[in-house]
N, C-alpha and C. Protein backbone atom coordinates (compact mmCIF):
# COMPACT_ATOMS: atom_id res chain seq x y z
N MET A 1 0.83 -1.19 0.00
CA MET A 1 0.00 0.00 0.00
C MET A 1 0.87 1.25 0.00
N THR A 2 1.93 1.26 0.83
CA THR A 2 2.83 2.41 0.86
C THR A 2 3.51 2.59 -0.48
N GLY A 3 3.93 1.48 -1.09
CA GLY A 3 4.60 1.56 -2.38
C GLY A 3 3.70 2.14 -3.45
N ARG A 4 2.35 1.74 -3.40
CA ARG A 4 1.43 2.24 -4.42
C ARG A 4 1.21 3.73 -4.29
N SER A 5 1.04 4.27 -3.07
CA SER A 5 0.78 5.70 -2.91
C SER A 5 2.03 6.51 -3.24
N GLY A 6 3.25 5.97 -2.98
CA GLY A 6 4.48 6.66 -3.34
C GLY A 6 4.61 6.77 -4.84
N ALA A 7 4.22 5.71 -5.58
CA ALA A 7 4.31 5.73 -7.03
C ALA A 7 3.33 6.72 -7.63
N ALA A 8 2.23 6.98 -6.95
CA ALA A 8 1.21 7.88 -7.49
C ALA A 8 1.64 9.34 -7.37
N ARG A 9 2.52 9.64 -6.43
CA ARG A 9 2.98 11.03 -6.25
C ARG A 9 3.94 11.42 -7.36
N PRO A 10 3.82 12.65 -7.93
CA PRO A 10 4.80 13.05 -8.94
C PRO A 10 6.16 13.24 -8.30
N PRO A 11 7.23 12.88 -8.99
CA PRO A 11 8.58 13.05 -8.44
C PRO A 11 8.85 14.52 -8.11
N ILE A 12 9.67 14.75 -7.11
CA ILE A 12 9.98 16.12 -6.68
C ILE A 12 10.63 16.92 -7.82
N LEU A 13 11.44 16.26 -8.62
CA LEU A 13 12.12 16.95 -9.73
C LEU A 13 11.11 17.54 -10.71
N VAL A 14 10.03 16.79 -10.99
CA VAL A 14 8.99 17.28 -11.90
C VAL A 14 8.32 18.52 -11.31
N LEU A 15 8.06 18.49 -10.00
CA LEU A 15 7.44 19.65 -9.35
C LEU A 15 8.35 20.87 -9.40
N VAL A 16 9.66 20.66 -9.17
CA VAL A 16 10.61 21.77 -9.19
C VAL A 16 10.70 22.37 -10.60
N ILE A 17 10.78 21.50 -11.60
CA ILE A 17 10.86 21.99 -12.99
C ILE A 17 9.58 22.73 -13.36
N GLY A 18 8.44 22.20 -12.95
CA GLY A 18 7.16 22.87 -13.23
C GLY A 18 7.08 24.24 -12.58
N ALA A 19 7.53 24.35 -11.34
CA ALA A 19 7.52 25.64 -10.64
C ALA A 19 8.47 26.63 -11.30
N ALA A 20 9.65 26.14 -11.70
CA ALA A 20 10.62 27.02 -12.38
C ALA A 20 10.06 27.52 -13.70
N PHE A 21 9.37 26.65 -14.44
CA PHE A 21 8.77 27.03 -15.71
C PHE A 21 7.70 28.11 -15.51
N LEU A 22 6.86 27.92 -14.48
CA LEU A 22 5.82 28.91 -14.20
C LEU A 22 6.42 30.26 -13.81
N LEU A 23 7.50 30.24 -13.03
CA LEU A 23 8.18 31.49 -12.67
C LEU A 23 8.77 32.18 -13.89
N LEU A 24 9.34 31.40 -14.80
CA LEU A 24 9.91 31.97 -16.02
C LEU A 24 8.83 32.61 -16.87
N VAL A 25 7.71 31.91 -17.06
CA VAL A 25 6.60 32.47 -17.84
C VAL A 25 6.09 33.75 -17.19
N ALA A 26 5.93 33.74 -15.88
CA ALA A 26 5.44 34.93 -15.17
C ALA A 26 6.40 36.11 -15.34
N SER A 27 7.70 35.84 -15.24
CA SER A 27 8.66 36.94 -15.38
C SER A 27 8.67 37.48 -16.80
N LEU A 28 8.51 36.61 -17.81
CA LEU A 28 8.44 37.07 -19.20
C LEU A 28 7.21 37.94 -19.44
N VAL A 29 6.08 37.52 -18.87
CA VAL A 29 4.84 38.31 -19.02
C VAL A 29 4.98 39.66 -18.34
N ILE A 30 5.52 39.67 -17.12
CA ILE A 30 5.69 40.92 -16.39
C ILE A 30 6.67 41.84 -17.13
N GLY A 31 7.76 41.26 -17.65
CA GLY A 31 8.75 42.04 -18.38
C GLY A 31 8.17 42.68 -19.63
N SER A 32 7.27 41.96 -20.31
CA SER A 32 6.69 42.50 -21.54
C SER A 32 5.62 43.55 -21.26
N LEU A 33 5.05 43.55 -20.06
CA LEU A 33 3.99 44.51 -19.74
C LEU A 33 4.51 45.79 -19.09
N THR A 34 5.71 45.75 -18.52
CA THR A 34 6.24 46.94 -17.85
C THR A 34 6.94 47.84 -18.85
N SER A 35 6.82 49.15 -18.67
CA SER A 35 7.50 50.11 -19.53
C SER A 35 8.92 50.34 -19.02
N PRO A 36 9.91 50.22 -19.92
CA PRO A 36 11.29 50.43 -19.46
C PRO A 36 11.57 51.89 -19.15
N GLU A 37 12.47 52.12 -18.25
CA GLU A 37 12.91 53.48 -17.93
C GLU A 37 14.13 53.76 -18.81
N TYR A 38 13.94 54.62 -19.84
CA TYR A 38 15.03 54.89 -20.77
C TYR A 38 16.04 55.86 -20.17
N PRO A 39 17.32 55.70 -20.54
CA PRO A 39 18.35 56.63 -20.05
C PRO A 39 18.04 58.06 -20.48
N ALA A 40 18.50 59.01 -19.71
CA ALA A 40 18.14 60.41 -19.94
C ALA A 40 19.05 61.10 -20.96
N PHE A 41 19.52 60.38 -21.97
CA PHE A 41 20.30 61.02 -23.02
C PHE A 41 19.39 61.75 -23.99
N ALA A 42 19.84 62.89 -24.49
CA ALA A 42 19.09 63.66 -25.49
C ALA A 42 19.84 63.58 -26.81
N LEU A 43 19.09 63.57 -27.91
CA LEU A 43 19.72 63.54 -29.23
C LEU A 43 20.65 64.74 -29.39
N THR A 44 21.85 64.48 -29.91
CA THR A 44 22.82 65.55 -30.13
C THR A 44 22.43 66.30 -31.40
N ARG A 45 22.35 67.62 -31.31
CA ARG A 45 21.89 68.40 -32.46
C ARG A 45 22.93 69.40 -32.97
N ALA A 46 24.19 69.23 -32.55
CA ALA A 46 25.24 70.15 -32.99
C ALA A 46 25.47 70.00 -34.49
N PRO A 47 25.61 71.11 -35.23
CA PRO A 47 25.88 71.02 -36.67
C PRO A 47 27.31 70.58 -36.92
N PRO A 48 27.59 70.00 -38.09
CA PRO A 48 28.97 69.59 -38.40
C PRO A 48 29.93 70.78 -38.36
N ALA A 49 31.11 70.57 -37.78
CA ALA A 49 32.15 71.60 -37.71
C ALA A 49 33.50 70.92 -37.82
N VAL A 50 34.29 71.32 -38.78
CA VAL A 50 35.60 70.70 -39.01
C VAL A 50 36.49 70.88 -37.79
N VAL A 51 37.08 69.77 -37.32
CA VAL A 51 37.89 69.83 -36.09
C VAL A 51 39.38 69.92 -36.38
N GLY A 52 39.81 69.71 -37.62
CA GLY A 52 41.22 69.84 -37.97
C GLY A 52 42.08 68.77 -37.33
N ASP A 53 43.27 69.17 -36.90
CA ASP A 53 44.21 68.18 -36.35
C ASP A 53 44.23 68.16 -34.82
N SER A 54 43.13 68.54 -34.21
CA SER A 54 43.06 68.58 -32.75
C SER A 54 42.55 67.26 -32.18
N LEU A 55 42.75 67.09 -30.88
CA LEU A 55 42.19 65.96 -30.15
C LEU A 55 40.80 66.37 -29.68
N VAL A 56 39.79 65.59 -30.06
CA VAL A 56 38.40 65.88 -29.68
C VAL A 56 37.95 64.86 -28.65
N GLY A 57 37.40 65.35 -27.54
CA GLY A 57 36.88 64.44 -26.54
C GLY A 57 37.85 64.26 -25.38
N PRO A 58 37.48 63.38 -24.46
CA PRO A 58 36.34 62.47 -24.56
C PRO A 58 35.00 63.20 -24.45
N GLY A 59 34.06 62.71 -25.22
CA GLY A 59 32.72 63.27 -25.21
C GLY A 59 31.72 62.19 -25.54
N THR A 60 30.44 62.52 -25.49
CA THR A 60 29.39 61.58 -25.87
C THR A 60 28.57 62.17 -27.00
N TYR A 61 27.98 61.28 -27.77
CA TYR A 61 27.13 61.69 -28.89
C TYR A 61 25.95 60.74 -28.93
N THR A 62 24.75 61.28 -29.15
CA THR A 62 23.54 60.46 -29.23
C THR A 62 22.87 60.70 -30.57
N LEU A 63 22.56 59.62 -31.29
CA LEU A 63 21.93 59.74 -32.61
C LEU A 63 20.77 58.76 -32.74
N ASP A 64 19.86 59.09 -33.62
CA ASP A 64 18.68 58.26 -33.87
C ASP A 64 19.00 57.31 -35.02
N ALA A 65 19.11 56.02 -34.71
CA ALA A 65 19.42 55.01 -35.73
C ALA A 65 18.23 54.08 -35.95
N SER A 66 17.02 54.58 -35.73
CA SER A 66 15.84 53.71 -35.75
C SER A 66 15.32 53.39 -37.14
N ALA A 67 15.73 54.15 -38.16
CA ALA A 67 15.25 53.86 -39.52
C ALA A 67 15.80 52.51 -39.98
N THR A 68 14.93 51.68 -40.53
CA THR A 68 15.37 50.36 -40.99
C THR A 68 15.87 50.38 -42.42
N ASP A 69 15.64 51.49 -43.13
CA ASP A 69 15.98 51.54 -44.55
C ASP A 69 17.17 52.44 -44.88
N ARG A 70 17.83 53.00 -43.85
CA ARG A 70 19.00 53.83 -44.14
C ARG A 70 19.96 53.84 -42.97
N TRP A 71 21.24 54.05 -43.30
CA TRP A 71 22.28 54.14 -42.29
C TRP A 71 22.42 55.58 -41.82
N ARG A 72 22.65 55.76 -40.53
CA ARG A 72 22.91 57.09 -39.96
C ARG A 72 24.41 57.24 -39.85
N ARG A 73 24.98 58.17 -40.63
CA ARG A 73 26.44 58.29 -40.75
C ARG A 73 27.01 59.33 -39.80
N PHE A 74 28.19 59.01 -39.28
CA PHE A 74 28.88 59.91 -38.36
C PHE A 74 30.30 60.14 -38.87
N ASP A 75 30.72 61.41 -38.87
CA ASP A 75 32.06 61.79 -39.32
C ASP A 75 32.84 62.37 -38.15
N PHE A 76 33.91 61.69 -37.73
CA PHE A 76 34.74 62.20 -36.64
C PHE A 76 35.37 63.55 -37.02
N GLY A 77 35.75 63.70 -38.29
CA GLY A 77 36.41 64.93 -38.73
C GLY A 77 35.54 66.16 -38.67
N ARG A 78 34.20 65.95 -38.63
CA ARG A 78 33.27 67.08 -38.48
C ARG A 78 32.48 66.97 -37.17
N ASN A 79 32.78 65.92 -36.40
CA ASN A 79 32.22 65.77 -35.06
C ASN A 79 30.69 65.79 -35.06
N ALA A 80 30.08 65.10 -36.03
CA ALA A 80 28.62 65.16 -36.15
C ALA A 80 28.11 64.08 -37.11
N THR A 81 26.79 63.84 -37.05
CA THR A 81 26.15 63.03 -38.08
C THR A 81 26.09 63.84 -39.36
N VAL A 82 26.20 63.17 -40.48
CA VAL A 82 26.26 63.86 -41.77
C VAL A 82 25.40 63.14 -42.80
N ASP A 83 24.90 63.90 -43.75
CA ASP A 83 24.10 63.33 -44.84
C ASP A 83 24.88 63.26 -46.14
N SER A 84 26.00 63.96 -46.22
CA SER A 84 26.81 63.94 -47.44
C SER A 84 28.28 64.11 -47.08
N GLY A 85 29.14 63.84 -48.04
CA GLY A 85 30.57 63.98 -47.80
C GLY A 85 31.15 62.79 -47.08
N PRO A 86 32.41 62.92 -46.63
CA PRO A 86 33.07 61.78 -45.97
C PRO A 86 32.39 61.41 -44.66
N TRP A 87 32.54 60.13 -44.29
CA TRP A 87 32.01 59.63 -43.03
C TRP A 87 32.90 58.50 -42.54
N ASP A 88 32.78 58.16 -41.25
CA ASP A 88 33.64 57.15 -40.66
C ASP A 88 32.88 55.94 -40.13
N LEU A 89 31.75 56.17 -39.47
CA LEU A 89 30.91 55.10 -38.93
C LEU A 89 29.48 55.29 -39.41
N ALA A 90 28.74 54.20 -39.47
CA ALA A 90 27.31 54.31 -39.78
C ALA A 90 26.54 53.32 -38.91
N PHE A 91 25.38 53.77 -38.44
CA PHE A 91 24.55 52.99 -37.52
C PHE A 91 23.18 52.75 -38.16
N ARG A 92 22.66 51.56 -37.97
CA ARG A 92 21.27 51.26 -38.34
C ARG A 92 20.75 50.23 -37.38
N ARG A 93 19.78 50.67 -36.55
CA ARG A 93 19.31 49.84 -35.44
C ARG A 93 20.51 49.45 -34.58
N PHE A 94 20.77 48.16 -34.37
CA PHE A 94 21.90 47.75 -33.53
C PHE A 94 23.14 47.41 -34.37
N HIS A 95 23.11 47.69 -35.67
CA HIS A 95 24.24 47.41 -36.54
C HIS A 95 25.20 48.59 -36.59
N LEU A 96 26.47 48.29 -36.80
CA LEU A 96 27.50 49.32 -36.92
C LEU A 96 28.49 48.90 -37.99
N ILE A 97 28.78 49.81 -38.94
CA ILE A 97 29.76 49.55 -39.98
C ILE A 97 30.74 50.71 -40.05
N THR A 98 31.87 50.46 -40.70
CA THR A 98 32.84 51.52 -40.96
C THR A 98 32.78 51.88 -42.43
N ALA A 99 33.20 53.09 -42.75
CA ALA A 99 33.28 53.51 -44.14
C ALA A 99 34.33 52.66 -44.86
N PRO A 100 34.20 52.48 -46.18
CA PRO A 100 35.21 51.73 -46.94
C PRO A 100 36.60 52.31 -46.69
N GLY A 101 37.54 51.43 -46.36
CA GLY A 101 38.90 51.86 -46.06
C GLY A 101 39.16 52.08 -44.59
N GLY A 102 38.10 52.09 -43.78
CA GLY A 102 38.24 52.22 -42.33
C GLY A 102 38.25 50.86 -41.67
N GLY A 103 38.41 50.82 -40.36
CA GLY A 103 38.42 49.55 -39.65
C GLY A 103 38.22 49.72 -38.16
N ILE A 104 37.90 48.61 -37.50
CA ILE A 104 37.64 48.61 -36.05
C ILE A 104 38.40 47.45 -35.42
N VAL A 105 38.93 47.68 -34.23
CA VAL A 105 39.54 46.61 -33.43
C VAL A 105 38.90 46.63 -32.05
N ASP A 106 38.56 45.44 -31.55
CA ASP A 106 37.95 45.30 -30.22
C ASP A 106 39.06 45.22 -29.18
N LEU A 107 39.08 46.18 -28.27
CA LEU A 107 40.10 46.23 -27.22
C LEU A 107 39.65 45.55 -25.94
N GLY A 108 38.38 45.12 -25.90
CA GLY A 108 37.86 44.40 -24.74
C GLY A 108 37.18 45.33 -23.73
N PRO A 109 36.74 44.76 -22.59
CA PRO A 109 36.01 45.52 -21.57
C PRO A 109 36.96 46.32 -20.67
N LEU A 110 37.60 47.32 -21.24
CA LEU A 110 38.55 48.14 -20.50
C LEU A 110 37.90 49.43 -20.04
N PRO A 111 38.41 50.05 -18.99
CA PRO A 111 37.95 51.41 -18.66
C PRO A 111 38.31 52.35 -19.82
N PHE A 112 37.36 53.14 -20.25
CA PHE A 112 37.55 54.00 -21.42
C PHE A 112 38.79 54.88 -21.27
N ASP A 113 38.95 55.49 -20.11
CA ASP A 113 40.07 56.43 -19.90
C ASP A 113 41.42 55.74 -19.84
N SER A 114 41.43 54.42 -19.69
CA SER A 114 42.71 53.71 -19.61
C SER A 114 43.34 53.51 -20.99
N VAL A 115 42.56 53.70 -22.05
CA VAL A 115 43.08 53.53 -23.40
C VAL A 115 43.69 54.85 -23.85
N VAL A 116 45.01 54.89 -23.90
CA VAL A 116 45.75 56.11 -24.23
C VAL A 116 46.23 56.09 -25.67
N GLU A 117 46.71 54.93 -26.13
CA GLU A 117 47.22 54.82 -27.50
C GLU A 117 46.64 53.56 -28.14
N LEU A 118 46.21 53.69 -29.39
CA LEU A 118 45.59 52.58 -30.09
C LEU A 118 46.63 51.73 -30.82
N PRO A 119 46.32 50.46 -31.05
CA PRO A 119 47.28 49.59 -31.75
C PRO A 119 47.44 49.99 -33.21
N ALA A 120 48.55 49.58 -33.80
CA ALA A 120 48.83 49.90 -35.20
C ALA A 120 48.15 48.92 -36.15
N THR A 121 47.86 47.70 -35.68
CA THR A 121 47.30 46.66 -36.56
C THR A 121 46.09 46.01 -35.90
N GLY A 122 45.45 45.11 -36.66
CA GLY A 122 44.35 44.31 -36.13
C GLY A 122 42.97 44.85 -36.44
N TYR A 123 42.87 45.88 -37.28
CA TYR A 123 41.59 46.51 -37.57
C TYR A 123 40.83 45.72 -38.64
N ALA A 124 39.61 45.29 -38.30
CA ALA A 124 38.74 44.61 -39.27
C ALA A 124 38.16 45.68 -40.17
N ASP A 125 38.38 45.53 -41.48
CA ASP A 125 38.03 46.62 -42.38
C ASP A 125 36.83 46.37 -43.25
N LYS A 126 36.17 45.23 -43.07
CA LYS A 126 34.97 45.04 -43.87
C LYS A 126 33.96 44.18 -43.13
N SER A 127 32.71 44.37 -43.48
CA SER A 127 31.63 43.57 -42.92
C SER A 127 31.49 42.31 -43.76
N PRO A 128 30.96 41.21 -43.19
CA PRO A 128 30.79 39.99 -43.96
C PRO A 128 29.83 40.16 -45.13
N ALA A 129 28.87 41.07 -44.99
CA ALA A 129 27.95 41.39 -46.09
C ALA A 129 27.79 42.91 -46.09
N PRO A 130 27.41 43.49 -47.23
CA PRO A 130 27.33 44.95 -47.31
C PRO A 130 26.38 45.56 -46.28
N ASP A 131 25.45 44.76 -45.79
CA ASP A 131 24.39 45.28 -44.95
C ASP A 131 24.50 44.90 -43.48
N SER A 132 25.64 44.38 -43.03
CA SER A 132 25.68 43.85 -41.67
C SER A 132 26.78 44.49 -40.83
N THR A 133 26.82 44.09 -39.56
CA THR A 133 27.73 44.69 -38.60
C THR A 133 29.19 44.36 -38.89
N ASN A 134 30.08 45.32 -38.63
CA ASN A 134 31.51 45.07 -38.73
C ASN A 134 31.87 43.91 -37.80
N PRO A 135 32.65 42.92 -38.26
CA PRO A 135 32.91 41.73 -37.44
C PRO A 135 33.66 42.02 -36.14
N ALA A 136 34.44 43.10 -36.10
CA ALA A 136 35.17 43.41 -34.86
C ALA A 136 34.22 43.88 -33.75
N VAL A 137 33.11 44.46 -34.14
CA VAL A 137 32.12 44.92 -33.15
C VAL A 137 31.19 43.77 -32.79
N GLY A 138 30.73 43.04 -33.81
CA GLY A 138 29.84 41.90 -33.57
C GLY A 138 28.65 42.30 -32.72
N LYS A 139 28.35 41.51 -31.73
CA LYS A 139 27.26 41.83 -30.81
C LYS A 139 27.85 42.63 -29.66
N TRP A 140 27.80 43.93 -29.77
CA TRP A 140 28.34 44.82 -28.73
C TRP A 140 27.41 44.89 -27.53
N TYR A 141 26.30 44.19 -27.61
CA TYR A 141 25.25 44.25 -26.59
C TYR A 141 24.92 42.84 -26.09
N ALA A 142 24.24 42.80 -24.95
CA ALA A 142 23.66 41.56 -24.42
C ALA A 142 22.15 41.74 -24.41
N TYR A 143 21.41 40.69 -24.74
CA TYR A 143 19.95 40.75 -24.77
C TYR A 143 19.38 40.04 -23.55
N SER A 144 18.47 40.71 -22.85
CA SER A 144 17.84 40.12 -21.67
C SER A 144 16.49 39.51 -22.04
N MET A 145 16.31 38.22 -21.75
CA MET A 145 15.03 37.56 -21.99
C MET A 145 13.95 38.08 -21.04
N LEU A 146 14.36 38.59 -19.89
CA LEU A 146 13.39 39.06 -18.91
C LEU A 146 12.86 40.45 -19.25
N SER A 147 13.76 41.36 -19.57
CA SER A 147 13.33 42.74 -19.85
C SER A 147 13.14 43.02 -21.33
N HIS A 148 13.67 42.13 -22.19
CA HIS A 148 13.66 42.31 -23.64
C HIS A 148 14.43 43.56 -24.07
N LEU A 149 15.44 43.93 -23.29
CA LEU A 149 16.25 45.11 -23.60
C LEU A 149 17.67 44.70 -23.96
N LEU A 150 18.31 45.55 -24.75
CA LEU A 150 19.73 45.37 -25.08
C LEU A 150 20.56 46.22 -24.13
N THR A 151 21.62 45.65 -23.58
CA THR A 151 22.52 46.42 -22.73
C THR A 151 23.94 46.26 -23.27
N SER A 152 24.70 47.34 -23.19
CA SER A 152 26.05 47.34 -23.72
C SER A 152 26.97 46.42 -22.93
N LYS A 153 27.89 45.77 -23.62
CA LYS A 153 28.94 44.98 -22.96
C LYS A 153 30.10 45.87 -22.53
N HIS A 154 30.04 47.14 -22.90
CA HIS A 154 31.04 48.14 -22.50
C HIS A 154 32.47 47.77 -22.91
N HIS A 155 32.58 47.28 -24.13
CA HIS A 155 33.91 47.11 -24.71
C HIS A 155 34.36 48.46 -25.27
N VAL A 156 35.66 48.66 -25.31
CA VAL A 156 36.22 49.84 -25.97
C VAL A 156 36.77 49.37 -27.31
N TYR A 157 36.51 50.16 -28.36
CA TYR A 157 36.94 49.82 -29.71
C TYR A 157 37.89 50.89 -30.23
N GLY A 158 38.89 50.46 -30.97
CA GLY A 158 39.73 51.39 -31.70
C GLY A 158 39.19 51.52 -33.11
N VAL A 159 39.13 52.73 -33.61
CA VAL A 159 38.63 52.98 -34.97
C VAL A 159 39.73 53.63 -35.79
N ARG A 160 39.98 53.08 -36.97
CA ARG A 160 40.87 53.71 -37.93
C ARG A 160 40.01 54.23 -39.07
N THR A 161 40.04 55.52 -39.35
CA THR A 161 39.18 56.10 -40.37
C THR A 161 39.79 55.90 -41.75
N PRO A 162 38.99 56.05 -42.81
CA PRO A 162 39.55 55.91 -44.17
C PRO A 162 40.65 56.92 -44.47
N ARG A 163 40.68 58.02 -43.72
CA ARG A 163 41.71 59.05 -43.95
C ARG A 163 42.93 58.85 -43.05
N GLY A 164 43.01 57.68 -42.38
CA GLY A 164 44.18 57.35 -41.58
C GLY A 164 44.24 58.06 -40.24
N LYS A 165 43.09 58.47 -39.70
CA LYS A 165 43.03 59.06 -38.37
C LYS A 165 42.49 57.99 -37.40
N TYR A 166 42.58 58.27 -36.10
CA TYR A 166 42.21 57.26 -35.11
C TYR A 166 41.26 57.82 -34.05
N ALA A 167 40.41 56.93 -33.55
CA ALA A 167 39.47 57.29 -32.48
C ALA A 167 39.25 56.08 -31.60
N LYS A 168 38.92 56.31 -30.35
CA LYS A 168 38.45 55.22 -29.48
C LYS A 168 36.97 55.43 -29.25
N LEU A 169 36.26 54.32 -29.05
CA LEU A 169 34.80 54.35 -29.04
C LEU A 169 34.27 53.35 -28.03
N GLU A 170 33.24 53.75 -27.29
CA GLU A 170 32.51 52.83 -26.42
C GLU A 170 31.03 53.06 -26.63
N LEU A 171 30.31 52.01 -26.99
CA LEU A 171 28.86 52.09 -27.19
C LEU A 171 28.19 51.97 -25.83
N LEU A 172 27.45 53.00 -25.44
CA LEU A 172 26.92 53.07 -24.07
C LEU A 172 25.52 52.50 -23.94
N THR A 173 24.63 52.87 -24.85
CA THR A 173 23.24 52.44 -24.70
C THR A 173 22.51 52.47 -26.03
N TYR A 174 21.44 51.68 -26.08
CA TYR A 174 20.61 51.54 -27.28
C TYR A 174 19.29 52.31 -27.14
N TYR A 175 19.15 53.06 -26.06
CA TYR A 175 17.88 53.73 -25.76
C TYR A 175 18.12 55.16 -25.30
N CYS A 176 17.12 56.02 -25.54
CA CYS A 176 17.14 57.36 -24.96
C CYS A 176 15.70 57.85 -24.86
N ARG A 177 15.49 58.86 -24.06
CA ARG A 177 14.12 59.35 -23.85
C ARG A 177 13.57 60.06 -25.08
N ASP A 178 14.45 60.65 -25.88
CA ASP A 178 14.00 61.39 -27.07
C ASP A 178 13.40 60.49 -28.14
N ALA A 179 14.05 59.35 -28.40
CA ALA A 179 13.65 58.51 -29.53
C ALA A 179 13.27 57.09 -29.14
N GLY A 180 13.43 56.71 -27.88
CA GLY A 180 13.08 55.35 -27.47
C GLY A 180 14.17 54.37 -27.86
N THR A 181 13.81 53.38 -28.69
CA THR A 181 14.77 52.35 -29.09
C THR A 181 15.61 52.80 -30.28
N ALA A 182 16.72 52.09 -30.49
CA ALA A 182 17.66 52.38 -31.59
C ALA A 182 18.15 53.81 -31.54
N CYS A 183 18.30 54.32 -30.33
CA CYS A 183 18.85 55.65 -30.09
C CYS A 183 20.22 55.40 -29.46
N ILE A 184 21.25 55.46 -30.30
CA ILE A 184 22.59 55.04 -29.88
C ILE A 184 23.34 56.19 -29.22
N THR A 185 23.85 55.94 -28.03
CA THR A 185 24.76 56.90 -27.39
C THR A 185 26.12 56.25 -27.29
N PHE A 186 27.15 56.95 -27.76
CA PHE A 186 28.50 56.42 -27.66
C PHE A 186 29.44 57.46 -27.08
N ARG A 187 30.48 56.97 -26.42
CA ARG A 187 31.55 57.80 -25.89
C ARG A 187 32.73 57.67 -26.85
N TYR A 188 33.44 58.76 -27.08
CA TYR A 188 34.54 58.68 -28.05
C TYR A 188 35.59 59.75 -27.76
N ALA A 189 36.76 59.52 -28.31
CA ALA A 189 37.82 60.53 -28.37
C ALA A 189 38.47 60.35 -29.73
N TYR A 190 38.68 61.44 -30.45
CA TYR A 190 39.20 61.39 -31.82
C TYR A 190 40.47 62.21 -31.92
N GLN A 191 41.48 61.60 -32.53
CA GLN A 191 42.75 62.29 -32.71
C GLN A 191 42.87 62.73 -34.18
N GLY A 192 42.82 64.02 -34.41
CA GLY A 192 42.84 64.54 -35.78
C GLY A 192 44.21 64.71 -36.40
N ASN A 193 45.29 64.50 -35.63
CA ASN A 193 46.62 64.75 -36.18
C ASN A 193 47.28 63.52 -36.81
N GLY A 194 46.54 62.40 -36.85
CA GLY A 194 47.07 61.21 -37.50
C GLY A 194 47.82 60.27 -36.61
N THR A 195 48.11 60.64 -35.36
CA THR A 195 48.78 59.73 -34.44
C THR A 195 47.73 58.83 -33.79
N ARG A 196 48.22 57.79 -33.11
CA ARG A 196 47.32 56.84 -32.48
C ARG A 196 47.06 57.15 -31.02
N ARG A 197 47.52 58.30 -30.55
CA ARG A 197 47.31 58.71 -29.17
C ARG A 197 45.92 59.36 -29.06
N VAL A 198 45.04 58.76 -28.23
CA VAL A 198 43.65 59.22 -28.16
C VAL A 198 43.30 59.71 -26.75
N ALA A 199 44.29 60.19 -26.03
CA ALA A 199 44.08 60.77 -24.71
C ALA A 199 45.11 61.87 -24.53
N PRO A 200 44.82 62.89 -23.71
CA PRO A 200 45.78 63.98 -23.49
C PRO A 200 47.10 63.46 -22.93
């Protein structure tokens, strides 16, 4: 009789797995119903201005990359997003590419201010397809199944521009209060004199 009633009870492992599954479903539902608190970055509206051979930054820049049918281009030499002329980086949603002849190297999760001089080699200069992310950047973000948000891995990247200038870059966030999602804020310092030193 004892053996029969023990066999009728579901194993404890099944109960634990069932409870874990219910908790996961509940957290996914709650995450999808709550409104995220976006970072308080505002879109940068400064007009392009030639910076010459000076060191620019460190500073931050926020741009709207939410359009799915066009790239939002940024030119370090003019310190702004641009619609025409030379450019160095382009953003579309969570994708990032460099201009032809430019390249990116991943320096890892370093403190931004600790990067004083960029390497001479190792820059990935092309995307695997014309429409995709530069391979050195890859997935610069982590995706949360609970919140459904992208968060930066806070890697620092070295950028070599098509004109042989250098910049360091850290992608900070994919959100802002002005534009919601696909609103990219990045930290950068650009050296206009052609050397690889990107800090005072």
